[in-house]
Amino acid sequence: LRGLDPAWEGAVVACAFTGPHVIAVLMVKPWSSFGDRRGPRIALGCSALGAGCFLLPKALAADAISFLLLTTASGFFYAGIMPLAYAEAGRLSSRGARGSGFGLLFSSLTLALALGPFFGGGLAELLGSVRPLFAMAGVLSIAAGALLCAGGRRSAASGAGAVEPPRAAC
């Protein structure tokens, strides 16, 4: 926020948190439809690739406005991550284990949201800036997206689906 009129700091910060979520609300349905057509793993990979492509330039944002625009535009890709992750978890889980699979996914998200700021703040202090963290997160997101897309193409080609347990002979 350096160089920004202090009267606008609150508005910029509010927009940085609100903007991507407003866009995400509008984009959940298109991402879900894309996941229904192409498979949740490939759609999740595309979402992660796009998110990573917006995280990388945040490390180089020259001012608050460019950071705000990148953050807001990232909402187009963040929108798909959770719905598609749950769809993939449901696809990979047997009917009897879906609750456990969704619970594990939710617990992982909650843990990340709880520990992320703690470790991110510590790393930013250690590195002297938060900028390298955006670059690192972007690289990790792009790598995860590439792996998901590659794995999604392989599983689609092999016809792999949800794993159902063998039926008991009664």
N, C-alpha and C. Protein backbone atom coordinates (compact mmCIF):
# COMPACT_ATOMS: atom_id res chain seq x y z
N LEU A 1 0.81 -1.20 0.00
CA LEU A 1 0.00 0.00 0.00
C LEU A 1 0.84 1.26 0.00
N ARG A 2 2.17 1.08 -0.12
CA ARG A 2 3.04 2.25 -0.17
C ARG A 2 2.65 3.17 -1.32
N GLY A 3 2.64 4.47 -1.03
CA GLY A 3 2.33 5.45 -2.07
C GLY A 3 0.85 5.67 -2.26
N LEU A 4 0.01 4.91 -1.59
CA LEU A 4 -1.43 5.06 -1.73
C LEU A 4 -1.92 6.05 -0.68
N ASP A 5 -2.86 6.88 -1.06
CA ASP A 5 -3.46 7.82 -0.12
C ASP A 5 -4.06 7.01 1.04
N PRO A 6 -3.66 7.29 2.29
CA PRO A 6 -4.16 6.52 3.43
C PRO A 6 -5.68 6.45 3.51
N ALA A 7 -6.37 7.43 2.96
CA ALA A 7 -7.83 7.42 2.98
C ALA A 7 -8.39 6.27 2.14
N TRP A 8 -7.59 5.76 1.19
CA TRP A 8 -8.05 4.69 0.31
C TRP A 8 -7.58 3.30 0.74
N GLU A 9 -6.71 3.22 1.74
CA GLU A 9 -6.16 1.93 2.15
C GLU A 9 -7.24 0.93 2.53
N GLY A 10 -8.19 1.34 3.34
CA GLY A 10 -9.26 0.44 3.76
C GLY A 10 -10.08 -0.06 2.59
N ALA A 11 -10.38 0.81 1.65
CA ALA A 11 -11.16 0.42 0.47
C ALA A 11 -10.40 -0.59 -0.39
N VAL A 12 -9.11 -0.36 -0.57
CA VAL A 12 -8.31 -1.28 -1.38
C VAL A 12 -8.23 -2.64 -0.71
N VAL A 13 -7.99 -2.67 0.60
CA VAL A 13 -7.92 -3.94 1.31
C VAL A 13 -9.28 -4.65 1.26
N ALA A 14 -10.36 -3.92 1.46
CA ALA A 14 -11.69 -4.52 1.40
C ALA A 14 -11.96 -5.10 0.01
N CYS A 15 -11.60 -4.36 -1.02
CA CYS A 15 -11.81 -4.86 -2.39
C CYS A 15 -10.94 -6.08 -2.68
N ALA A 16 -9.74 -6.11 -2.13
CA ALA A 16 -8.85 -7.25 -2.35
C ALA A 16 -9.44 -8.53 -1.75
N PHE A 17 -10.19 -8.39 -0.68
CA PHE A 17 -10.82 -9.57 -0.08
C PHE A 17 -12.20 -9.85 -0.67
N THR A 18 -12.92 -8.81 -1.06
CA THR A 18 -14.28 -8.97 -1.57
C THR A 18 -14.31 -9.33 -3.05
N GLY A 19 -13.47 -8.68 -3.84
CA GLY A 19 -13.49 -8.86 -5.29
C GLY A 19 -13.41 -10.30 -5.76
N PRO A 20 -12.40 -11.07 -5.33
CA PRO A 20 -12.32 -12.44 -5.82
C PRO A 20 -13.49 -13.31 -5.37
N HIS A 21 -14.07 -13.00 -4.22
CA HIS A 21 -15.19 -13.80 -3.74
C HIS A 21 -16.47 -13.51 -4.51
N VAL A 22 -16.67 -12.26 -4.88
CA VAL A 22 -17.83 -11.92 -5.70
C VAL A 22 -17.73 -12.63 -7.05
N ILE A 23 -16.56 -12.57 -7.66
CA ILE A 23 -16.36 -13.26 -8.94
C ILE A 23 -16.50 -14.76 -8.76
N ALA A 24 -15.98 -15.29 -7.67
CA ALA A 24 -16.07 -16.73 -7.41
C ALA A 24 -17.52 -17.19 -7.33
N VAL A 25 -18.37 -16.40 -6.68
CA VAL A 25 -19.79 -16.77 -6.59
C VAL A 25 -20.39 -16.89 -8.00
N LEU A 26 -20.00 -15.99 -8.88
CA LEU A 26 -20.52 -16.01 -10.25
C LEU A 26 -19.93 -17.15 -11.09
N MET A 27 -18.74 -17.62 -10.72
CA MET A 27 -18.03 -18.61 -11.54
C MET A 27 -18.17 -20.05 -11.05
N VAL A 28 -18.80 -20.28 -9.90
CA VAL A 28 -18.92 -21.65 -9.40
C VAL A 28 -19.68 -22.53 -10.39
N LYS A 29 -20.77 -22.07 -10.92
CA LYS A 29 -21.57 -22.87 -11.85
C LYS A 29 -20.79 -23.20 -13.13
N PRO A 30 -20.13 -22.23 -13.78
CA PRO A 30 -19.35 -22.60 -14.97
C PRO A 30 -18.24 -23.61 -14.67
N TRP A 31 -17.55 -23.48 -13.53
CA TRP A 31 -16.51 -24.45 -13.20
C TRP A 31 -17.12 -25.83 -12.93
N SER A 32 -18.25 -25.85 -12.25
CA SER A 32 -18.91 -27.13 -11.96
C SER A 32 -19.36 -27.80 -13.26
N SER A 33 -19.90 -27.02 -14.18
CA SER A 33 -20.32 -27.58 -15.47
C SER A 33 -19.11 -28.10 -16.26
N PHE A 34 -18.02 -27.35 -16.21
CA PHE A 34 -16.79 -27.79 -16.88
C PHE A 34 -16.31 -29.11 -16.26
N GLY A 35 -16.38 -29.21 -14.94
CA GLY A 35 -16.00 -30.45 -14.26
C GLY A 35 -16.91 -31.61 -14.63
N ASP A 36 -18.20 -31.33 -14.82
CA ASP A 36 -19.13 -32.39 -15.23
C ASP A 36 -18.81 -32.89 -16.64
N ARG A 37 -18.39 -31.97 -17.51
CA ARG A 37 -18.09 -32.35 -18.90
C ARG A 37 -16.74 -33.04 -19.03
N ARG A 38 -15.70 -32.50 -18.40
CA ARG A 38 -14.33 -32.99 -18.60
C ARG A 38 -13.81 -33.88 -17.48
N GLY A 39 -14.51 -33.90 -16.37
CA GLY A 39 -14.05 -34.64 -15.20
C GLY A 39 -13.50 -33.68 -14.17
N PRO A 40 -13.78 -33.95 -12.90
CA PRO A 40 -13.37 -33.00 -11.87
C PRO A 40 -11.85 -32.86 -11.73
N ARG A 41 -11.10 -33.92 -12.01
CA ARG A 41 -9.64 -33.82 -11.84
C ARG A 41 -9.03 -32.88 -12.87
N ILE A 42 -9.44 -33.00 -14.11
CA ILE A 42 -8.91 -32.11 -15.16
C ILE A 42 -9.36 -30.68 -14.91
N ALA A 43 -10.64 -30.50 -14.55
CA ALA A 43 -11.14 -29.15 -14.27
C ALA A 43 -10.42 -28.54 -13.06
N LEU A 44 -10.17 -29.35 -12.03
CA LEU A 44 -9.42 -28.87 -10.86
C LEU A 44 -8.00 -28.49 -11.26
N GLY A 45 -7.41 -29.27 -12.14
CA GLY A 45 -6.08 -28.94 -12.64
C GLY A 45 -6.06 -27.62 -13.39
N CYS A 46 -7.06 -27.39 -14.23
CA CYS A 46 -7.14 -26.13 -14.97
C CYS A 46 -7.34 -24.96 -14.01
N SER A 47 -8.16 -25.17 -12.98
CA SER A 47 -8.39 -24.13 -11.99
C SER A 47 -7.10 -23.81 -11.24
N ALA A 48 -6.35 -24.83 -10.86
CA ALA A 48 -5.08 -24.62 -10.15
C ALA A 48 -4.05 -23.94 -11.06
N LEU A 49 -4.00 -24.34 -12.33
CA LEU A 49 -3.09 -23.69 -13.27
C LEU A 49 -3.40 -22.20 -13.39
N GLY A 50 -4.67 -21.87 -13.56
CA GLY A 50 -5.08 -20.47 -13.68
C GLY A 50 -4.78 -19.68 -12.41
N ALA A 51 -5.06 -20.28 -11.26
CA ALA A 51 -4.77 -19.59 -9.99
C ALA A 51 -3.27 -19.33 -9.87
N GLY A 52 -2.47 -20.30 -10.24
CA GLY A 52 -1.01 -20.13 -10.18
C GLY A 52 -0.52 -19.04 -11.10
N CYS A 53 -1.16 -18.93 -12.26
CA CYS A 53 -0.75 -17.89 -13.21
C CYS A 53 -1.08 -16.48 -12.69
N PHE A 54 -2.02 -16.36 -11.77
CA PHE A 54 -2.30 -15.06 -11.16
C PHE A 54 -1.49 -14.85 -9.88
N LEU A 55 -1.06 -15.93 -9.23
CA LEU A 55 -0.23 -15.79 -8.04
C LEU A 55 1.18 -15.32 -8.38
N LEU A 56 1.75 -15.85 -9.45
CA LEU A 56 3.12 -15.47 -9.82
C LEU A 56 3.30 -13.96 -10.02
N PRO A 57 2.46 -13.29 -10.80
CA PRO A 57 2.69 -11.86 -10.99
C PRO A 57 2.40 -11.02 -9.75
N LYS A 58 1.67 -11.57 -8.77
CA LYS A 58 1.46 -10.82 -7.53
C LYS A 58 2.79 -10.54 -6.83
N ALA A 59 3.75 -11.42 -7.03
CA ALA A 59 5.07 -11.21 -6.42
C ALA A 59 5.75 -9.98 -7.01
N LEU A 60 5.36 -9.58 -8.20
CA LEU A 60 5.99 -8.45 -8.87
C LEU A 60 5.10 -7.22 -8.95
N ALA A 61 3.92 -7.28 -8.34
CA ALA A 61 2.98 -6.15 -8.42
C ALA A 61 3.66 -4.87 -7.95
N ALA A 62 3.58 -3.84 -8.77
CA ALA A 62 4.29 -2.59 -8.49
C ALA A 62 3.54 -1.68 -7.53
N ASP A 63 2.22 -1.83 -7.47
CA ASP A 63 1.44 -0.96 -6.60
C ASP A 63 0.18 -1.67 -6.14
N ALA A 64 -0.56 -0.99 -5.27
CA ALA A 64 -1.75 -1.59 -4.68
C ALA A 64 -2.83 -1.88 -5.73
N ILE A 65 -2.95 -1.02 -6.72
CA ILE A 65 -3.99 -1.20 -7.73
C ILE A 65 -3.71 -2.44 -8.59
N SER A 66 -2.46 -2.63 -9.02
CA SER A 66 -2.16 -3.83 -9.82
C SER A 66 -2.34 -5.08 -8.97
N PHE A 67 -1.96 -5.02 -7.70
CA PHE A 67 -2.18 -6.16 -6.81
C PHE A 67 -3.67 -6.44 -6.66
N LEU A 68 -4.46 -5.38 -6.51
CA LEU A 68 -5.91 -5.52 -6.38
C LEU A 68 -6.52 -6.16 -7.63
N LEU A 69 -6.08 -5.71 -8.80
CA LEU A 69 -6.62 -6.26 -10.05
C LEU A 69 -6.24 -7.74 -10.20
N LEU A 70 -5.00 -8.09 -9.88
CA LEU A 70 -4.58 -9.50 -9.96
C LEU A 70 -5.35 -10.36 -8.97
N THR A 71 -5.53 -9.85 -7.77
CA THR A 71 -6.26 -10.59 -6.74
C THR A 71 -7.71 -10.79 -7.15
N THR A 72 -8.34 -9.74 -7.67
CA THR A 72 -9.73 -9.85 -8.09
C THR A 72 -9.89 -10.81 -9.26
N ALA A 73 -9.01 -10.71 -10.24
CA ALA A 73 -9.09 -11.60 -11.40
C ALA A 73 -8.84 -13.05 -11.02
N SER A 74 -8.07 -13.28 -9.98
CA SER A 74 -7.80 -14.66 -9.56
C SER A 74 -9.08 -15.38 -9.12
N GLY A 75 -10.11 -14.62 -8.75
CA GLY A 75 -11.38 -15.22 -8.37
C GLY A 75 -11.99 -16.08 -9.46
N PHE A 76 -11.67 -15.79 -10.72
CA PHE A 76 -12.17 -16.60 -11.83
C PHE A 76 -11.69 -18.05 -11.69
N PHE A 77 -10.51 -18.25 -11.13
CA PHE A 77 -9.94 -19.59 -11.00
C PHE A 77 -10.13 -20.18 -9.62
N TYR A 78 -10.10 -19.35 -8.58
CA TYR A 78 -10.30 -19.86 -7.22
C TYR A 78 -11.69 -20.48 -7.07
N ALA A 79 -12.64 -19.99 -7.85
CA ALA A 79 -14.02 -20.46 -7.73
C ALA A 79 -14.16 -21.96 -7.93
N GLY A 80 -13.31 -22.53 -8.76
CA GLY A 80 -13.45 -23.95 -9.06
C GLY A 80 -12.78 -24.88 -8.06
N ILE A 81 -11.88 -24.36 -7.26
CA ILE A 81 -11.03 -25.25 -6.47
C ILE A 81 -11.82 -26.11 -5.49
N MET A 82 -12.62 -25.53 -4.62
CA MET A 82 -13.30 -26.33 -3.60
C MET A 82 -14.41 -27.21 -4.19
N PRO A 83 -15.31 -26.69 -5.03
CA PRO A 83 -16.33 -27.59 -5.57
C PRO A 83 -15.74 -28.76 -6.35
N LEU A 84 -14.68 -28.50 -7.11
CA LEU A 84 -14.08 -29.57 -7.90
C LEU A 84 -13.28 -30.53 -7.02
N ALA A 85 -12.68 -30.04 -5.94
CA ALA A 85 -11.98 -30.93 -5.01
C ALA A 85 -12.98 -31.87 -4.35
N TYR A 86 -14.14 -31.36 -3.96
CA TYR A 86 -15.18 -32.22 -3.37
C TYR A 86 -15.72 -33.21 -4.40
N ALA A 87 -15.88 -32.77 -5.64
CA ALA A 87 -16.35 -33.68 -6.69
C ALA A 87 -15.35 -34.80 -6.92
N GLU A 88 -14.06 -34.46 -6.93
CA GLU A 88 -13.03 -35.49 -7.13
C GLU A 88 -12.97 -36.43 -5.93
N ALA A 89 -13.11 -35.89 -4.73
CA ALA A 89 -13.12 -36.74 -3.53
C ALA A 89 -14.31 -37.69 -3.57
N GLY A 90 -15.46 -37.19 -4.01
CA GLY A 90 -16.63 -38.05 -4.13
C GLY A 90 -16.45 -39.12 -5.19
N ARG A 91 -15.78 -38.77 -6.27
CA ARG A 91 -15.53 -39.73 -7.36
C ARG A 91 -14.58 -40.82 -6.90
N LEU A 92 -13.61 -40.47 -6.09
CA LEU A 92 -12.60 -41.44 -5.66
C LEU A 92 -13.04 -42.28 -4.46
N SER A 93 -14.06 -41.83 -3.75
CA SER A 93 -14.50 -42.53 -2.54
C SER A 93 -15.60 -43.53 -2.85
N SER A 94 -15.58 -44.61 -2.12
CA SER A 94 -16.70 -45.54 -2.22
C SER A 94 -17.90 -44.91 -1.52
N ARG A 95 -19.08 -45.40 -1.79
CA ARG A 95 -20.28 -44.82 -1.17
C ARG A 95 -20.19 -44.84 0.34
N GLY A 96 -19.66 -45.89 0.90
CA GLY A 96 -19.59 -46.02 2.35
C GLY A 96 -18.54 -45.14 2.99
N ALA A 97 -17.65 -44.57 2.20
CA ALA A 97 -16.56 -43.76 2.76
C ALA A 97 -16.61 -42.30 2.32
N ARG A 98 -17.69 -41.89 1.68
CA ARG A 98 -17.76 -40.50 1.20
C ARG A 98 -17.74 -39.50 2.34
N GLY A 99 -18.46 -39.78 3.40
CA GLY A 99 -18.46 -38.86 4.55
C GLY A 99 -17.06 -38.68 5.11
N SER A 100 -16.32 -39.79 5.21
CA SER A 100 -14.95 -39.70 5.71
C SER A 100 -14.06 -38.93 4.74
N GLY A 101 -14.24 -39.16 3.46
CA GLY A 101 -13.45 -38.45 2.45
C GLY A 101 -13.72 -36.97 2.48
N PHE A 102 -15.00 -36.59 2.56
CA PHE A 102 -15.34 -35.17 2.62
C PHE A 102 -14.86 -34.56 3.93
N GLY A 103 -14.96 -35.30 5.02
CA GLY A 103 -14.47 -34.81 6.31
C GLY A 103 -12.97 -34.57 6.29
N LEU A 104 -12.23 -35.49 5.67
CA LEU A 104 -10.78 -35.32 5.56
C LEU A 104 -10.44 -34.08 4.72
N LEU A 105 -11.17 -33.89 3.63
CA LEU A 105 -10.95 -32.72 2.78
C LEU A 105 -11.25 -31.44 3.55
N PHE A 106 -12.36 -31.40 4.26
CA PHE A 106 -12.73 -30.22 5.04
C PHE A 106 -11.71 -29.97 6.16
N SER A 107 -11.29 -31.02 6.83
CA SER A 107 -10.30 -30.87 7.91
C SER A 107 -8.97 -30.34 7.36
N SER A 108 -8.58 -30.81 6.20
CA SER A 108 -7.34 -30.34 5.57
C SER A 108 -7.44 -28.85 5.24
N LEU A 109 -8.58 -28.44 4.70
CA LEU A 109 -8.80 -27.03 4.39
C LEU A 109 -8.77 -26.19 5.66
N THR A 110 -9.45 -26.65 6.69
CA THR A 110 -9.48 -25.90 7.95
C THR A 110 -8.08 -25.78 8.55
N LEU A 111 -7.32 -26.85 8.50
CA LEU A 111 -5.95 -26.82 9.02
C LEU A 111 -5.09 -25.83 8.21
N ALA A 112 -5.24 -25.85 6.90
CA ALA A 112 -4.47 -24.93 6.05
C ALA A 112 -4.85 -23.48 6.35
N LEU A 113 -6.15 -23.22 6.52
CA LEU A 113 -6.58 -21.86 6.82
C LEU A 113 -6.12 -21.41 8.21
N ALA A 114 -5.99 -22.35 9.13
CA ALA A 114 -5.53 -22.01 10.47
C ALA A 114 -4.02 -21.80 10.53
N LEU A 115 -3.27 -22.64 9.86
CA LEU A 115 -1.81 -22.58 9.95
C LEU A 115 -1.16 -21.69 8.89
N GLY A 116 -1.85 -21.47 7.76
CA GLY A 116 -1.29 -20.68 6.67
C GLY A 116 -0.83 -19.30 7.10
N PRO A 117 -1.69 -18.51 7.75
CA PRO A 117 -1.24 -17.17 8.16
C PRO A 117 -0.09 -17.21 9.16
N PHE A 118 -0.11 -18.18 10.06
CA PHE A 118 0.96 -18.30 11.05
C PHE A 118 2.31 -18.56 10.38
N PHE A 119 2.35 -19.59 9.53
CA PHE A 119 3.61 -19.91 8.86
C PHE A 119 3.96 -18.90 7.78
N GLY A 120 2.94 -18.40 7.06
CA GLY A 120 3.20 -17.39 6.04
C GLY A 120 3.77 -16.12 6.64
N GLY A 121 3.21 -15.69 7.77
CA GLY A 121 3.74 -14.50 8.44
C GLY A 121 5.17 -14.72 8.91
N GLY A 122 5.44 -15.90 9.45
CA GLY A 122 6.81 -16.21 9.89
C GLY A 122 7.79 -16.26 8.74
N LEU A 123 7.37 -16.88 7.64
CA LEU A 123 8.25 -16.93 6.46
C LEU A 123 8.47 -15.55 5.87
N ALA A 124 7.41 -14.74 5.83
CA ALA A 124 7.55 -13.37 5.30
C ALA A 124 8.52 -12.58 6.16
N GLU A 125 8.45 -12.76 7.47
CA GLU A 125 9.38 -12.06 8.36
C GLU A 125 10.80 -12.56 8.14
N LEU A 126 10.96 -13.86 7.98
CA LEU A 126 12.27 -14.45 7.76
C LEU A 126 12.87 -14.01 6.42
N LEU A 127 12.04 -13.95 5.39
CA LEU A 127 12.50 -13.58 4.05
C LEU A 127 12.57 -12.06 3.86
N GLY A 128 11.92 -11.32 4.74
CA GLY A 128 11.93 -9.88 4.62
C GLY A 128 10.83 -9.31 3.75
N SER A 129 10.00 -10.18 3.19
CA SER A 129 8.91 -9.73 2.32
C SER A 129 7.93 -10.87 2.10
N VAL A 130 6.70 -10.51 1.81
CA VAL A 130 5.69 -11.51 1.47
C VAL A 130 5.76 -11.90 -0.01
N ARG A 131 6.44 -11.10 -0.80
CA ARG A 131 6.49 -11.33 -2.26
C ARG A 131 6.97 -12.72 -2.67
N PRO A 132 8.05 -13.24 -2.08
CA PRO A 132 8.49 -14.58 -2.49
C PRO A 132 7.44 -15.67 -2.22
N LEU A 133 6.59 -15.42 -1.24
CA LEU A 133 5.56 -16.41 -0.93
C LEU A 133 4.52 -16.51 -2.05
N PHE A 134 4.21 -15.38 -2.69
CA PHE A 134 3.29 -15.42 -3.82
C PHE A 134 3.91 -16.21 -4.97
N ALA A 135 5.20 -15.99 -5.22
CA ALA A 135 5.88 -16.73 -6.28
C ALA A 135 5.92 -18.22 -5.96
N MET A 136 6.24 -18.56 -4.71
CA MET A 136 6.31 -19.96 -4.31
C MET A 136 4.93 -20.62 -4.42
N ALA A 137 3.89 -19.93 -3.96
CA ALA A 137 2.54 -20.47 -4.06
C ALA A 137 2.12 -20.63 -5.52
N GLY A 138 2.51 -19.68 -6.36
CA GLY A 138 2.19 -19.79 -7.79
C GLY A 138 2.85 -20.99 -8.44
N VAL A 139 4.12 -21.20 -8.12
CA VAL A 139 4.84 -22.35 -8.68
C VAL A 139 4.20 -23.66 -8.20
N LEU A 140 3.89 -23.74 -6.91
CA LEU A 140 3.25 -24.95 -6.37
C LEU A 140 1.88 -25.19 -6.99
N SER A 141 1.12 -24.13 -7.19
CA SER A 141 -0.20 -24.26 -7.78
C SER A 141 -0.12 -24.71 -9.24
N ILE A 142 0.83 -24.16 -9.98
CA ILE A 142 1.01 -24.57 -11.38
C ILE A 142 1.46 -26.03 -11.45
N ALA A 143 2.39 -26.42 -10.57
CA ALA A 143 2.85 -27.81 -10.56
C ALA A 143 1.70 -28.76 -10.21
N ALA A 144 0.90 -28.41 -9.21
CA ALA A 144 -0.24 -29.25 -8.83
C ALA A 144 -1.24 -29.33 -9.97
N GLY A 145 -1.50 -28.19 -10.62
CA GLY A 145 -2.43 -28.19 -11.75
C GLY A 145 -1.95 -29.07 -12.90
N ALA A 146 -0.66 -29.01 -13.19
CA ALA A 146 -0.10 -29.85 -14.26
C ALA A 146 -0.22 -31.32 -13.91
N LEU A 147 0.07 -31.67 -12.66
CA LEU A 147 -0.06 -33.07 -12.23
C LEU A 147 -1.51 -33.54 -12.29
N LEU A 148 -2.43 -32.70 -11.86
CA LEU A 148 -3.85 -33.07 -11.90
C LEU A 148 -4.33 -33.26 -13.34
N CYS A 149 -3.93 -32.36 -14.23
CA CYS A 149 -4.33 -32.49 -15.63
C CYS A 149 -3.76 -33.75 -16.25
N ALA A 150 -2.49 -34.03 -15.98
CA ALA A 150 -1.86 -35.24 -16.52
C ALA A 150 -2.53 -36.48 -15.95
N GLY A 151 -2.79 -36.49 -14.65
CA GLY A 151 -3.46 -37.64 -14.03
C GLY A 151 -4.89 -37.79 -14.49
N GLY A 152 -5.56 -36.67 -14.73
CA GLY A 152 -6.93 -36.71 -15.21
C GLY A 152 -7.03 -37.29 -16.61
N ARG A 153 -6.07 -36.96 -17.45
CA ARG A 153 -6.08 -37.52 -18.81
C ARG A 153 -5.81 -39.02 -18.77
N ARG A 154 -4.88 -39.42 -17.90
CA ARG A 154 -4.57 -40.85 -17.78
C ARG A 154 -5.77 -41.64 -17.26
N SER A 155 -6.45 -41.13 -16.22
CA SER A 155 -7.58 -41.86 -15.65
C SER A 155 -8.76 -41.87 -16.62
N ALA A 156 -8.93 -40.78 -17.40
CA ALA A 156 -10.01 -40.75 -18.39
C ALA A 156 -9.73 -41.77 -19.49
N ALA A 157 -8.48 -41.89 -19.88
CA ALA A 157 -8.13 -42.84 -20.94
C ALA A 157 -8.30 -44.29 -20.47
N SER A 158 -8.02 -44.53 -19.18
CA SER A 158 -8.14 -45.91 -18.68
C SER A 158 -9.54 -46.22 -18.21
N GLY A 159 -10.41 -45.21 -18.13
CA GLY A 159 -11.79 -45.43 -17.69
C GLY A 159 -11.90 -45.61 -16.19
N ALA A 160 -10.91 -45.16 -15.43
CA ALA A 160 -10.95 -45.31 -13.98
C ALA A 160 -12.04 -44.45 -13.39
N GLY A 161 -12.76 -44.99 -12.42
CA GLY A 161 -13.83 -44.26 -11.75
C GLY A 161 -13.74 -44.47 -10.26
N ALA A 162 -14.85 -44.29 -9.59
CA ALA A 162 -14.88 -44.46 -8.15
C ALA A 162 -14.63 -45.92 -7.80
N VAL A 163 -13.98 -46.10 -6.71
CA VAL A 163 -13.66 -47.45 -6.24
C VAL A 163 -14.80 -47.92 -5.34
N GLU A 164 -15.48 -48.96 -5.74
CA GLU A 164 -16.56 -49.53 -4.94
C GLU A 164 -16.04 -50.79 -4.25
N PRO A 165 -16.38 -50.97 -2.97
CA PRO A 165 -15.95 -52.17 -2.27
C PRO A 165 -16.67 -53.39 -2.80
N PRO A 166 -16.06 -54.58 -2.67
CA PRO A 166 -16.76 -55.79 -3.11
C PRO A 166 -18.02 -56.00 -2.28
N ARG A 167 -19.04 -56.51 -2.89
CA ARG A 167 -20.30 -56.75 -2.19
C ARG A 167 -20.18 -58.04 -1.37
N ALA A 168 -20.71 -57.95 -0.19
CA ALA A 168 -20.68 -59.15 0.69
C ALA A 168 -21.68 -60.17 0.17
N ALA A 169 -21.30 -61.41 0.23
CA ALA A 169 -22.20 -62.48 -0.20
C ALA A 169 -23.14 -62.80 0.95
N CYS A 170 -24.41 -62.43 0.83
CA CYS A 170 -25.38 -62.70 1.90
C CYS A 170 -26.43 -63.64 1.38
